Amino acid sequence: MQTTDFKDVIFGLFAVSAFIGVMLLAFIDTKSRPVFYDVCKMVISAFLGYMIRVNQ
């Protein structure tokens, strides 16, 4: 059984809060929506890349 480190939980909470915040900004500002979507993709890929590297 694998335990979760504190820094992994903090990074996960940061990634989720950044994703939600950027999606709210994309909802508010329709002119910049594609840029906000690109930032969301970057946040998700950074989190997944980190978790894949940690779990190997």
Protein backbone atom coordinates (compact mmCIF):
# COMPACT_ATOMS: atom_id res chain seq x y z
CA MET A 1 0.00 0.00 0.00
CA GLN A 2 1.32 3.41 -0.96
CA THR A 3 1.07 6.43 1.31
CA THR A 4 0.59 9.95 0.02
CA ASP A 5 3.19 12.53 0.97
CA PHE A 6 2.15 15.91 2.30
CA LYS A 7 3.77 17.73 -0.62
CA ASP A 8 1.79 15.61 -3.09
CA VAL A 9 -1.45 16.61 -1.39
CA ILE A 10 -0.44 20.28 -1.37
CA PHE A 11 0.53 20.14 -5.05
CA GLY A 12 -2.77 18.42 -5.88
CA LEU A 13 -4.76 21.06 -4.01
CA PHE A 14 -2.82 23.79 -5.79
CA ALA A 15 -3.48 22.20 -9.18
CA VAL A 16 -7.21 21.83 -8.49
CA SER A 17 -7.54 25.38 -7.18
CA ALA A 18 -5.58 26.76 -10.14
CA PHE A 19 -7.77 24.81 -12.54
CA ILE A 20 -10.98 26.07 -10.93
CA GLY A 21 -9.71 29.63 -10.79
CA VAL A 22 -8.65 29.68 -14.42
CA MET A 23 -11.95 28.14 -15.51
CA LEU A 24 -13.83 30.87 -13.60
CA LEU A 25 -11.72 33.52 -15.31
CA ALA A 26 -12.46 31.90 -18.68
CA PHE A 27 -16.17 32.02 -17.87
CA ILE A 28 -15.98 35.72 -16.99
CA ASP A 29 -13.70 36.95 -19.79
CA THR A 30 -14.93 35.54 -23.09
CA LYS A 31 -12.33 37.34 -25.24
CA SER A 32 -9.40 35.58 -23.58
CA ARG A 33 -11.08 32.18 -23.24
CA PRO A 34 -8.65 30.23 -25.51
CA VAL A 35 -5.67 31.46 -23.48
CA PHE A 36 -7.30 30.35 -20.23
CA TYR A 37 -8.01 26.93 -21.73
CA ASP A 38 -4.34 26.60 -22.68
CA VAL A 39 -3.35 27.44 -19.10
CA CYS A 40 -5.78 24.77 -17.85
CA LYS A 41 -4.19 22.21 -20.15
CA MET A 42 -0.76 23.18 -18.85
CA VAL A 43 -1.86 22.83 -15.20
CA ILE A 44 -3.40 19.41 -15.84
CA SER A 45 -0.39 18.14 -17.79
CA ALA A 46 2.05 19.40 -15.14
CA PHE A 47 0.11 17.62 -12.40
CA LEU A 48 -0.18 14.38 -14.38
CA GLY A 49 3.49 14.49 -15.34
CA TYR A 50 4.47 15.01 -11.72
CA MET A 51 2.27 12.16 -10.49
CA ILE A 52 3.56 9.78 -13.17
CA ARG A 53 7.17 10.58 -12.23
CA VAL A 54 6.47 10.18 -8.50
CA ASN A 55 4.71 6.83 -8.89
CA GLN A 56 7.47 5.18 -10.92
